[in-house]
C-alpha atoms as a PDB file:
ATOM      1  CA  MET A   1       2.280  35.224 -94.557  1.00  0.00           C
ATOM      2  CA  LEU A   2       0.824  32.373 -96.488  1.00  0.00           C
ATOM      3  CA  ALA A   3       2.601  29.314 -97.812  1.00  0.00           C
ATOM      4  CA  LEU A   4       1.372  26.616-100.292  1.00  0.00           C
ATOM      5  CA  ILE A   5       2.908  23.209 -99.868  1.00  0.00           C
ATOM      6  CA  ALA A   6       2.500  20.034-101.930  1.00  0.00           C
ATOM      7  CA  PRO A   7       2.641  16.416-100.635  1.00  0.00           C
ATOM      8  CA  GLY A   8       4.829  13.558-101.862  1.00  0.00           C
ATOM      9  CA  GLN A   9       4.288   9.931-102.828  1.00  0.00           C
ATOM     10  CA  GLY A  10       2.240   7.741-100.487  1.00  0.00           C
ATOM     11  CA  SER A  11      -0.427  10.470-100.030  1.00  0.00           C
ATOM     12  CA  GLN A  12      -2.580   9.255-102.851  1.00  0.00           C
ATOM     13  CA  SER A  13      -5.819   7.360-102.388  1.00  0.00           C
ATOM     14  CA  PRO A  14      -8.447   5.837-104.702  1.00  0.00           C
ATOM     15  CA  GLY A  15     -10.990   8.374-106.040  1.00  0.00           C
ATOM     16  CA  MET A  16      -9.066  11.407-104.835  1.00  0.00           C
ATOM     17  CA  LEU A  17     -10.019  13.502-107.831  1.00  0.00           C
ATOM     18  CA  ASN A  18     -13.777  12.748-107.733  1.00  0.00           C
ATOM     19  CA  SER A  19     -14.757  16.122-106.250  1.00  0.00           C
ATOM     20  CA  TRP A  20     -12.401  18.081-108.424  1.00  0.00           C
ATOM     21  CA  ILE A  21     -13.681  16.910-111.779  1.00  0.00           C
ATOM     22  CA  GLN A  22     -17.224  18.067-111.008  1.00  0.00           C
ATOM     23  CA  ASP A  23     -15.928  21.548-112.183  1.00  0.00           C
ATOM     24  CA  PRO A  24     -15.921  21.507-115.979  1.00  0.00           C
ATOM     25  CA  ALA A  25     -12.928  23.852-116.080  1.00  0.00           C
ATOM     26  CA  SER A  26     -10.881  21.449-113.834  1.00  0.00           C
ATOM     27  CA  LEU A  27     -12.002  18.374-115.871  1.00  0.00           C
ATOM     28  CA  SER A  28     -10.953  20.086-119.091  1.00  0.00           C
ATOM     29  CA  LEU A  29      -7.556  20.925-117.657  1.00  0.00           C
ATOM     30  CA  LEU A  30      -7.070  17.341-116.355  1.00  0.00           C
ATOM     31  CA  ASN A  31      -8.044  15.953-119.762  1.00  0.00           C
ATOM     32  CA  LYS A  32      -5.487  18.224-121.462  1.00  0.00           C
ATOM     33  CA  TRP A  33      -2.751  17.112-119.093  1.00  0.00           C
ATOM     34  CA  SER A  34      -3.689  13.478-119.720  1.00  0.00           C
ATOM     35  CA  THR A  35      -3.181  13.939-123.441  1.00  0.00           C
ATOM     36  CA  ASP A  36       0.036  15.943-122.929  1.00  0.00           C
ATOM     37  CA  ILE A  37       1.727  13.165-120.871  1.00  0.00           C
ATOM     38  CA  ASP A  38      -0.064  10.178-122.420  1.00  0.00           C
ATOM     39  CA  LEU A  39      -1.492   9.019-119.050  1.00  0.00           C
ATOM     40  CA  ASP A  40      -5.171   8.875-118.172  1.00  0.00           C
ATOM     41  CA  LEU A  41      -5.108  11.029-115.039  1.00  0.00           C
ATOM     42  CA  VAL A  42      -8.890  11.201-114.965  1.00  0.00           C
ATOM     43  CA  ARG A  43      -9.272   7.472-114.655  1.00  0.00           C
ATOM     44  CA  LEU A  44      -6.362   7.115-112.295  1.00  0.00           C
ATOM     45  CA  GLY A  45      -7.804   9.748-110.010  1.00  0.00           C
ATOM     46  CA  THR A  46     -11.416   8.460-110.030  1.00  0.00           C
ATOM     47  CA  THR A  47     -11.872   4.735-110.744  1.00  0.00           C
ATOM     48  CA  ALA A  48      -8.373   3.159-110.509  1.00  0.00           C
ATOM     49  CA  ASP A  49      -7.755   0.924-107.491  1.00  0.00           C
ATOM     50  CA  ALA A  50      -5.249   1.397-104.758  1.00  0.00           C
ATOM     51  CA  ASP A  51      -2.691  -1.068-106.337  1.00  0.00           C
ATOM     52  CA  GLU A  52      -2.726   0.758-109.648  1.00  0.00           C
ATOM     53  CA  ILE A  53      -2.178   4.155-108.191  1.00  0.00           C
ATOM     54  CA  LYS A  54       0.546   2.798-105.817  1.00  0.00           C
ATOM     55  CA  ASP A  55       2.651   2.120-108.879  1.00  0.00           C
ATOM     56  CA  THR A  56       5.452   4.766-108.907  1.00  0.00           C
ATOM     57  CA  ALA A  57       4.936   5.544-112.596  1.00  0.00           C
ATOM     58  CA  ASN A  58       1.251   6.380-111.919  1.00  0.00           C
ATOM     59  CA  ALA A  59       1.432   7.750-108.362  1.00  0.00           C
ATOM     60  CA  GLN A  60       3.882  10.535-109.003  1.00  0.00           C
ATOM     61  CA  PRO A  61       2.084  12.265-111.983  1.00  0.00           C
ATOM     62  CA  LEU A  62      -1.247  11.779-110.288  1.00  0.00           C
ATOM     63  CA  ILE A  63      -0.141  13.480-107.057  1.00  0.00           C
ATOM     64  CA  VAL A  64       1.407  16.453-108.889  1.00  0.00           C
ATOM     65  CA  ALA A  65      -1.670  16.791-111.119  1.00  0.00           C
ATOM     66  CA  ALA A  66      -3.957  16.815-108.054  1.00  0.00           C
ATOM     67  CA  SER A  67      -1.912  19.528-106.375  1.00  0.00           C
ATOM     68  CA  LEU A  68      -1.810  21.696-109.480  1.00  0.00           C
ATOM     69  CA  LEU A  69      -5.472  21.189-110.153  1.00  0.00           C
ATOM     70  CA  ALA A  70      -6.283  22.388-106.650  1.00  0.00           C
ATOM     71  CA  ALA A  71      -3.888  25.310-106.892  1.00  0.00           C
ATOM     72  CA  HIS A  72      -5.692  26.534-110.036  1.00  0.00           C
ATOM     73  CA  ALA A  73      -9.079  26.100-108.383  1.00  0.00           C
ATOM     74  CA  LEU A  74      -8.013  27.851-105.230  1.00  0.00           C
ATOM     75  CA  ALA A  75      -6.703  30.808-107.217  1.00  0.00           C
ATOM     76  CA  VAL A  76      -4.924  32.506-104.363  1.00  0.00           C
ATOM     77  CA  LYS A  77      -2.674  35.304-105.474  1.00  0.00           C
ATOM     78  CA  ASP A  78      -0.823  36.566-102.454  1.00  0.00           C
ATOM     79  CA  VAL A  79       1.323  33.522-101.625  1.00  0.00           C
ATOM     80  CA  ALA A  80       4.619  34.307 -99.859  1.00  0.00           C
ATOM     81  CA  VAL A  81       6.482  31.060-100.465  1.00  0.00           C
ATOM     82  CA  THR A  82       5.942  27.516-101.704  1.00  0.00           C
ATOM     83  CA  SER A  83       7.500  24.142-101.130  1.00  0.00           C
ATOM     84  CA  GLY A  84       6.802  20.412-101.766  1.00  0.00           C
ATOM     85  CA  HIS A  85       7.813  17.147-100.177  1.00  0.00           C
ATOM     86  CA  SER A  86       9.827  14.951-102.615  1.00  0.00           C
ATOM     87  CA  VAL A  87       7.769  14.753-105.901  1.00  0.00           C
ATOM     88  CA  GLY A  88       5.672  17.583-104.491  1.00  0.00           C
ATOM     89  CA  GLU A  89       8.628  19.856-105.289  1.00  0.00           C
ATOM     90  CA  LEU A  90       7.508  19.668-109.018  1.00  0.00           C
ATOM     91  CA  ALA A  91       4.128  21.002-108.170  1.00  0.00           C
ATOM     92  CA  ALA A  92       5.857  23.779-106.167  1.00  0.00           C
ATOM     93  CA  ALA A  93       8.126  24.563-109.014  1.00  0.00           C
ATOM     94  CA  ALA A  94       5.122  25.155-111.220  1.00  0.00           C
ATOM     95  CA  ILE A  95       3.305  27.132-108.560  1.00  0.00           C
ATOM     96  CA  CYS A  96       6.270  29.492-108.152  1.00  0.00           C
ATOM     97  CA  GLY A  97       6.464  29.832-111.941  1.00  0.00           C
ATOM     98  CA  ALA A  98       9.910  28.351-112.543  1.00  0.00           C
ATOM     99  CA  VAL A  99       8.311  25.801-114.958  1.00  0.00           C
ATOM    100  CA  THR A 100       4.996  25.581-116.628  1.00  0.00           C
ATOM    101  CA  ASP A 101       2.339  23.097-115.506  1.00  0.00           C
ATOM    102  CA  ALA A 102       2.898  21.105-118.681  1.00  0.00           C
ATOM    103  CA  ASP A 103       6.660  20.867-118.214  1.00  0.00           C
ATOM    104  CA  ALA A 104       6.236  19.971-114.511  1.00  0.00           C
ATOM    105  CA  LEU A 105       3.930  17.124-115.558  1.00  0.00           C
ATOM    106  CA  HIS A 106       6.277  15.994-118.309  1.00  0.00           C
ATOM    107  CA  LEU A 107       9.109  15.897-115.792  1.00  0.00           C
ATOM    108  CA  VAL A 108       7.107  14.048-113.147  1.00  0.00           C
ATOM    109  CA  ARG A 109       5.900  11.523-115.780  1.00  0.00           C
ATOM    110  CA  ALA A 110       9.534  10.734-116.661  1.00  0.00           C
ATOM    111  CA  ARG A 111      10.525  10.852-113.007  1.00  0.00           C
ATOM    112  CA  GLY A 112       8.032   8.168-112.125  1.00  0.00           C
ATOM    113  CA  ILE A 113       9.038   5.915-115.021  1.00  0.00           C
ATOM    114  CA  GLU A 114      12.763   6.251-114.366  1.00  0.00           C
ATOM    115  CA  MET A 115      12.384   5.691-110.577  1.00  0.00           C
ATOM    116  CA  ALA A 116      10.299   2.689-111.200  1.00  0.00           C
ATOM    117  CA  LYS A 117      13.048   1.348-113.510  1.00  0.00           C
ATOM    118  CA  ALA A 118      15.698   2.034-110.806  1.00  0.00           C
ATOM    119  CA  ALA A 119      13.649   0.354-108.209  1.00  0.00           C
ATOM    120  CA  ALA A 120      13.427  -2.787-110.240  1.00  0.00           C
ATOM    121  CA  GLN A 121      17.196  -3.109-110.458  1.00  0.00           C
ATOM    122  CA  ALA A 122      17.692  -4.248-106.817  1.00  0.00           C
ATOM    123  CA  PRO A 123      15.198  -5.152-104.094  1.00  0.00           C
ATOM    124  CA  ALA A 124      15.001  -2.327-101.479  1.00  0.00           C
ATOM    125  CA  GLY A 125      12.415  -0.502 -99.531  1.00  0.00           C
ATOM    126  CA  MET A 126      11.587   2.160 -96.893  1.00  0.00           C
ATOM    127  CA  SER A 127      10.290   2.161 -93.302  1.00  0.00           C
ATOM    128  CA  ALA A 128       9.014   5.043 -91.231  1.00  0.00           C
ATOM    129  CA  VAL A 129      10.588   5.282 -87.764  1.00  0.00           C
ATOM    130  CA  LEU A 130       8.062   7.079 -85.491  1.00  0.00           C
ATOM    131  CA  GLY A 131       9.084   8.561 -82.190  1.00  0.00           C
ATOM    132  CA  GLY A 132      12.193   7.930 -80.145  1.00  0.00           C
ATOM    133  CA  ASP A 133      15.273  10.068 -79.591  1.00  0.00           C
ATOM    134  CA  ARG A 134      16.359  11.621 -82.854  1.00  0.00           C
ATOM    135  CA  ASP A 135      20.096  10.823 -82.327  1.00  0.00           C
ATOM    136  CA  GLU A 136      19.411   7.222 -81.249  1.00  0.00           C
ATOM    137  CA  VAL A 137      17.099   6.711 -84.291  1.00  0.00           C
ATOM    138  CA  LEU A 138      19.719   7.944 -86.656  1.00  0.00           C
ATOM    139  CA  THR A 139      22.416   5.840 -85.038  1.00  0.00           C
ATOM    140  CA  ALA A 140      20.238   2.783 -85.387  1.00  0.00           C
ATOM    141  CA  ILE A 141      19.501   3.481 -89.002  1.00  0.00           C
ATOM    142  CA  TYR A 142      23.103   4.094 -89.987  1.00  0.00           C
ATOM    143  CA  SER A 143      24.421   1.153 -88.010  1.00  0.00           C
ATOM    144  CA  LEU A 144      22.491  -1.172 -90.328  1.00  0.00           C
ATOM    145  CA  GLY A 145      23.786   0.482 -93.479  1.00  0.00           C
ATOM    146  CA  LEU A 146      20.535   2.233 -94.122  1.00  0.00           C
ATOM    147  CA  ILE A 147      19.943   5.825 -95.107  1.00  0.00           C
ATOM    148  CA  ALA A 148      17.730   8.438 -93.471  1.00  0.00           C
ATOM    149  CA  ALA A 149      16.025   9.089 -96.778  1.00  0.00           C
ATOM    150  CA  ASN A 150      13.288  11.393 -95.483  1.00  0.00           C
ATOM    151  CA  ASP A 151      14.074  13.407 -92.286  1.00  0.00           C
ATOM    152  CA  ASN A 152      10.565  14.643 -91.899  1.00  0.00           C
ATOM    153  CA  GLY A 153      10.657  16.292 -88.407  1.00  0.00           C
ATOM    154  CA  GLY A 154       7.780  15.941 -85.964  1.00  0.00           C
ATOM    155  CA  GLY A 155       9.269  12.671 -84.689  1.00  0.00           C
ATOM    156  CA  GLN A 156       9.363  10.894 -88.110  1.00  0.00           C
ATOM    157  CA  ILE A 157      12.439   9.714 -89.943  1.00  0.00           C
ATOM    158  CA  VAL A 158      12.174   7.398 -93.000  1.00  0.00           C
ATOM    159  CA  ALA A 159      14.925   4.700 -93.301  1.00  0.00           C
ATOM    160  CA  ALA A 160      15.676   3.263 -96.777  1.00  0.00           C
ATOM    161  CA  GLY A 161      17.853   0.498 -98.168  1.00  0.00           C
ATOM    162  CA  ASP A 162      18.309  -3.197 -98.072  1.00  0.00           C
ATOM    163  CA  LEU A 163      15.148  -5.151 -97.139  1.00  0.00           C
ATOM    164  CA  THR A 164      16.944  -7.506 -94.693  1.00  0.00           C
ATOM    165  CA  ALA A 165      18.330  -4.454 -92.867  1.00  0.00           C
ATOM    166  CA  LEU A 166      14.919  -2.775 -92.772  1.00  0.00           C
ATOM    167  CA  ALA A 167      13.467  -6.008 -91.325  1.00  0.00           C
ATOM    168  CA  THR A 168      16.123  -6.048 -88.637  1.00  0.00           C
ATOM    169  CA  LEU A 169      15.371  -2.448 -87.754  1.00  0.00           C
ATOM    170  CA  GLY A 170      11.600  -3.369 -87.458  1.00  0.00           C
ATOM    171  CA  GLN A 171      12.354  -6.277 -85.148  1.00  0.00           C
ATOM    172  CA  ASN A 172      14.754  -4.139 -83.004  1.00  0.00           C
ATOM    173  CA  PRO A 173      13.376  -0.517 -82.997  1.00  0.00           C
ATOM    174  CA  PRO A 174      15.206   2.194 -81.196  1.00  0.00           C
ATOM    175  CA  THR A 175      13.988   2.845 -77.549  1.00  0.00           C
ATOM    176  CA  GLY A 176      10.679   4.622 -77.563  1.00  0.00           C
ATOM    177  CA  ALA A 177      10.161   4.316 -81.310  1.00  0.00           C
ATOM    178  CA  ARG A 178       8.016   2.051 -83.570  1.00  0.00           C
ATOM    179  CA  VAL A 179       8.864   1.100 -87.143  1.00  0.00           C
ATOM    180  CA  ARG A 180       6.318   0.825 -89.908  1.00  0.00           C
ATOM    181  CA  ALA A 181       7.180  -0.628 -93.278  1.00  0.00           C
ATOM    182  CA  LEU A 182       6.026   1.587 -96.196  1.00  0.00           C
ATOM    183  CA  ALA A 183       4.312   0.284 -99.332  1.00  0.00           C
ATOM    184  CA  VAL A 184       6.744   1.692-101.827  1.00  0.00           C
ATOM    185  CA  ALA A 185       8.644   0.046-104.668  1.00  0.00           C
ATOM    186  CA  GLY A 186      12.162   0.971-103.719  1.00  0.00           C
ATOM    187  CA  ALA A 187      14.656   2.980-101.691  1.00  0.00           C
ATOM    188  CA  PHE A 188      13.725   6.466-102.900  1.00  0.00           C
ATOM    189  CA  HIS A 189      16.142   9.414-102.249  1.00  0.00           C
ATOM    190  CA  THR A 190      19.152   7.164-101.949  1.00  0.00           C
ATOM    191  CA  SER A 191      21.921   5.866-104.242  1.00  0.00           C
ATOM    192  CA  PHE A 192      19.513   3.136-105.353  1.00  0.00           C
ATOM    193  CA  MET A 193      17.887   5.835-107.468  1.00  0.00           C
ATOM    194  CA  SER A 194      21.115   7.117-109.066  1.00  0.00           C
ATOM    195  CA  SER A 195      20.311   5.670-112.609  1.00  0.00           C
ATOM    196  CA  ALA A 196      17.254   7.884-112.720  1.00  0.00           C
ATOM    197  CA  VAL A 197      19.117  11.174-112.336  1.00  0.00           C
ATOM    198  CA  ALA A 198      20.785  11.385-115.792  1.00  0.00           C
ATOM    199  CA  PRO A 199      17.605  10.859-117.873  1.00  0.00           C
ATOM    200  CA  LEU A 200      15.742  13.498-115.866  1.00  0.00           C
ATOM    201  CA  SER A 201      18.631  15.961-116.094  1.00  0.00           C
ATOM    202  CA  GLU A 202      18.639  15.555-119.823  1.00  0.00           C
ATOM    203  CA  LEU A 203      14.869  16.205-120.012  1.00  0.00           C
ATOM    204  CA  ALA A 204      15.135  19.148-117.649  1.00  0.00           C
ATOM    205  CA  ASP A 205      17.849  20.707-119.984  1.00  0.00           C
ATOM    206  CA  SER A 206      15.355  20.660-122.858  1.00  0.00           C
ATOM    207  CA  ILE A 207      12.623  22.763-121.229  1.00  0.00           C
ATOM    208  CA  ASP A 208      12.301  26.543-120.972  1.00  0.00           C
ATOM    209  CA  LEU A 209      12.658  27.878-117.450  1.00  0.00           C
ATOM    210  CA  HIS A 210      11.213  31.063-116.059  1.00  0.00           C
ATOM    211  CA  GLN A 211      12.012  33.525-113.273  1.00  0.00           C
ATOM    212  CA  PRO A 212       9.970  32.445-110.190  1.00  0.00           C
ATOM    213  CA  SER A 213       7.320  34.897-109.014  1.00  0.00           C
ATOM    214  CA  ILE A 214       7.572  33.688-105.479  1.00  0.00           C
ATOM    215  CA  PRO A 215      10.383  31.987-103.403  1.00  0.00           C
ATOM    216  CA  PHE A 216      10.773  28.220-103.264  1.00  0.00           C
ATOM    217  CA  ILE A 217      12.032  26.245-100.238  1.00  0.00           C
ATOM    218  CA  SER A 218      14.230  23.354-101.259  1.00  0.00           C
ATOM    219  CA  ASN A 219      14.214  19.827 -99.814  1.00  0.00           C
ATOM    220  CA  LYS A 220      17.928  19.734-100.014  1.00  0.00           C
ATOM    221  CA  ASP A 221      18.620  21.940 -97.097  1.00  0.00           C
ATOM    222  CA  GLY A 222      15.570  24.009 -96.354  1.00  0.00           C
ATOM    223  CA  GLU A 223      17.175  27.005 -98.218  1.00  0.00           C
ATOM    224  CA  ILE A 224      15.035  29.597-100.049  1.00  0.00           C
ATOM    225  CA  VAL A 225      15.849  29.428-103.744  1.00  0.00           C
ATOM    226  CA  ARG A 226      14.979  32.122-106.264  1.00  0.00           C
ATOM    227  CA  SER A 227      16.861  30.951-109.381  1.00  0.00           C
ATOM    228  CA  GLU A 228      14.842  28.879-111.777  1.00  0.00           C
ATOM    229  CA  SER A 229      17.827  26.862-112.943  1.00  0.00           C
ATOM    230  CA  GLU A 230      18.897  26.043-109.377  1.00  0.00           C
ATOM    231  CA  ILE A 231      15.311  25.026-108.425  1.00  0.00           C
ATOM    232  CA  VAL A 232      15.147  22.545-111.290  1.00  0.00           C
ATOM    233  CA  ALA A 233      18.706  21.249-110.751  1.00  0.00           C
ATOM    234  CA  ARG A 234      17.975  20.607-107.070  1.00  0.00           C
ATOM    235  CA  ILE A 235      14.703  18.788-107.877  1.00  0.00           C
ATOM    236  CA  VAL A 236      16.546  16.438-110.278  1.00  0.00           C
ATOM    237  CA  ASN A 237      19.421  15.730-107.932  1.00  0.00           C
ATOM    238  CA  GLN A 238      16.999  15.184-105.022  1.00  0.00           C
ATOM    239  CA  ILE A 239      15.985  11.921-106.605  1.00  0.00           C
ATOM    240  CA  ALA A 240      18.984  10.238-105.205  1.00  0.00           C
ATOM    241  CA  ASN A 241      19.473  12.338-102.095  1.00  0.00           C
ATOM    242  CA  PRO A 242      17.679  12.658 -98.748  1.00  0.00           C
ATOM    243  CA  VAL A 243      14.736  14.880 -98.208  1.00  0.00           C
ATOM    244  CA  ARG A 244      15.171  17.311 -95.326  1.00  0.00           C
ATOM    245  CA  TRP A 245      11.552  18.287 -94.732  1.00  0.00           C
ATOM    246  CA  ASP A 246      12.423  19.146 -91.127  1.00  0.00           C
ATOM    247  CA  LEU A 247      14.563  21.995 -92.424  1.00  0.00           C
ATOM    248  CA  CYS A 248      11.871  23.114 -94.836  1.00  0.00           C
ATOM    249  CA  MET A 249       9.450  23.436 -91.846  1.00  0.00           C
ATOM    250  CA  HIS A 250      12.164  25.254 -89.876  1.00  0.00           C
ATOM    251  CA  THR A 251      12.492  27.824 -92.691  1.00  0.00           C
ATOM    252  CA  LEU A 252       8.647  28.271 -92.722  1.00  0.00           C
ATOM    253  CA  LYS A 253       8.922  29.253 -89.013  1.00  0.00           C
ATOM    254  CA  THR A 254      11.929  31.493 -89.317  1.00  0.00           C
ATOM    255  CA  ILE A 255      10.699  33.591 -92.214  1.00  0.00           C
ATOM    256  CA  GLY A 256       7.480  34.341 -90.368  1.00  0.00           C
ATOM    257  CA  VAL A 257       4.820  32.218 -92.205  1.00  0.00           C
ATOM    258  CA  THR A 258       1.634  32.209 -90.267  1.00  0.00           C
ATOM    259  CA  GLY A 259      -0.614  29.995 -92.325  1.00  0.00           C
ATOM    260  CA  VAL A 260       0.047  26.985 -94.605  1.00  0.00           C
ATOM    261  CA  ILE A 261      -2.329  25.354 -97.048  1.00  0.00           C
ATOM    262  CA  GLU A 262      -1.443  21.738 -97.983  1.00  0.00           C
ATOM    263  CA  LEU A 263      -2.655  20.960-101.428  1.00  0.00           C
ATOM    264  CA  PRO A 264      -4.206  17.592-102.195  1.00  0.00           C
ATOM    265  CA  PRO A 265      -3.856  14.814-101.569  1.00  0.00           C
ATOM    266  CA  ALA A 266      -3.413  16.698 -98.284  1.00  0.00           C
ATOM    267  CA  GLY A 267      -3.063  15.576 -94.693  1.00  0.00           C
ATOM    268  CA  THR A 268       0.402  14.162 -94.193  1.00  0.00           C
ATOM    269  CA  LEU A 269       2.371  17.482 -94.223  1.00  0.00           C
ATOM    270  CA  VAL A 270      -0.125  19.237 -92.085  1.00  0.00           C
ATOM    271  CA  GLY A 271       0.194  16.438 -89.534  1.00  0.00           C
ATOM    272  CA  LEU A 272       3.924  16.920 -89.531  1.00  0.00           C
ATOM    273  CA  LEU A 273       3.632  20.722 -89.222  1.00  0.00           C
ATOM    274  CA  LYS A 274       1.228  20.449 -86.273  1.00  0.00           C
ATOM    275  CA  ARG A 275       3.813  18.434 -84.324  1.00  0.00           C
ATOM    276  CA  ALA A 276       6.942  20.384 -85.373  1.00  0.00           C
ATOM    277  CA  ALA A 277       5.614  23.978 -85.643  1.00  0.00           C
ATOM    278  CA  PRO A 278       2.217  24.233 -83.842  1.00  0.00           C
ATOM    279  CA  GLU A 279       2.408  27.976 -83.886  1.00  0.00           C
ATOM    280  CA  ILE A 280       1.806  27.960 -87.661  1.00  0.00           C
ATOM    281  CA  GLU A 281      -1.875  27.558 -88.528  1.00  0.00           C
ATOM    282  CA  SER A 282      -2.458  24.930 -91.182  1.00  0.00           C
ATOM    283  CA  PHE A 283      -5.258  23.816 -93.599  1.00  0.00           C
ATOM    284  CA  ALA A 284      -5.527  20.560 -95.366  1.00  0.00           C
ATOM    285  CA  LEU A 285      -7.222  21.086 -98.764  1.00  0.00           C
ATOM    286  CA  LYS A 286      -8.503  17.561 -99.307  1.00  0.00           C
ATOM    287  CA  SER A 287     -11.434  18.114-101.800  1.00  0.00           C
ATOM    288  CA  ALA A 288     -13.169  20.712-103.792  1.00  0.00           C
ATOM    289  CA  ASP A 289     -15.748  21.012-100.986  1.00  0.00           C
ATOM    290  CA  ASP A 290     -12.985  22.664 -98.905  1.00  0.00           C
ATOM    291  CA  LEU A 291     -12.318  25.528-101.355  1.00  0.00           C
ATOM    292  CA  VAL A 292     -14.570  28.113 -99.683  1.00  0.00           C
ATOM    293  CA  ALA A 293     -12.999  27.508 -96.259  1.00  0.00           C
ATOM    294  CA  ALA A 294      -9.464  27.448 -97.810  1.00  0.00           C
ATOM    295  CA  ARG A 295      -9.962  30.813 -99.449  1.00  0.00           C
ATOM    296  CA  GLU A 296     -11.173  32.195 -96.149  1.00  0.00           C
ATOM    297  CA  PHE A 297      -8.095  30.778 -94.480  1.00  0.00           C
ATOM    298  CA  ALA A 298      -5.867  32.227 -97.205  1.00  0.00           C
ATOM    299  CA  GLY A 299      -7.481  35.618 -96.737  1.00  0.00           C
ATOM    300  CA  ARG A 300      -6.509  35.678 -93.119  1.00  0.00           C
ATOM    301  CA  HIS A 301      -2.839  34.927 -93.864  1.00  0.00           C
ATOM    302  CA  ALA A 302      -2.014  36.219 -97.329  1.00  0.00           C
END
């Protein structure tokens, strides 16, 4: 069984679309999407620097566009299930057919803008806690009034909230753990993002939804979702609620997935999967140069 998964914010890097736009069809698609959402995805993915693509309003649509562009180029038909981490859920929603590519990009464009606005309302941030005993890590996070915003499995939990509390966590890490501050604009997937939910919900209500052609694994609880309206509602509400990627990986294991392709900008989710579920073979599709190998990988698992 083959799964396609899409990464979240923080996975972007300068020039990450350079190889993909060498294909005229991919470049044409990217230009169309840029016009549709009034954002120059070609420039952001080729010549923009790290600071510009770190901006939430730019990073989120760029990441989703990269995943969708690669999914089109890969053109694998026999996918058993799809999922995405955080903003990657919008790429997954398009891949499963619940929304069109265009609507996924309109949603992610608005999502990035609204989350950037929410982040500007109060100073907050996120730090990854790597290693340590899971229960001790969670206790340390909650004792400081922080939230486990991303429970990523594989020995990685991301704490989010007040900057002073995050600094305290960094200075006093749980036993056996290390804390790494993340270069993000706010405390994503916490109540700090609550103001972004209503505008996204209103936009989501205005788009046409479609019956998914393949199942979708939700960040909320790792459950398999087959209703298009529930998929979109969960994605919208997830903005202000924790990501349970650990449960998504558990579902991949329990349903019998044997191979996973991570769409670009790939690498982060494959790394987590190798630690949490090494029995599942994985492939990081990082550039267009990897397409032949990725199709061969898909052929062994689809």
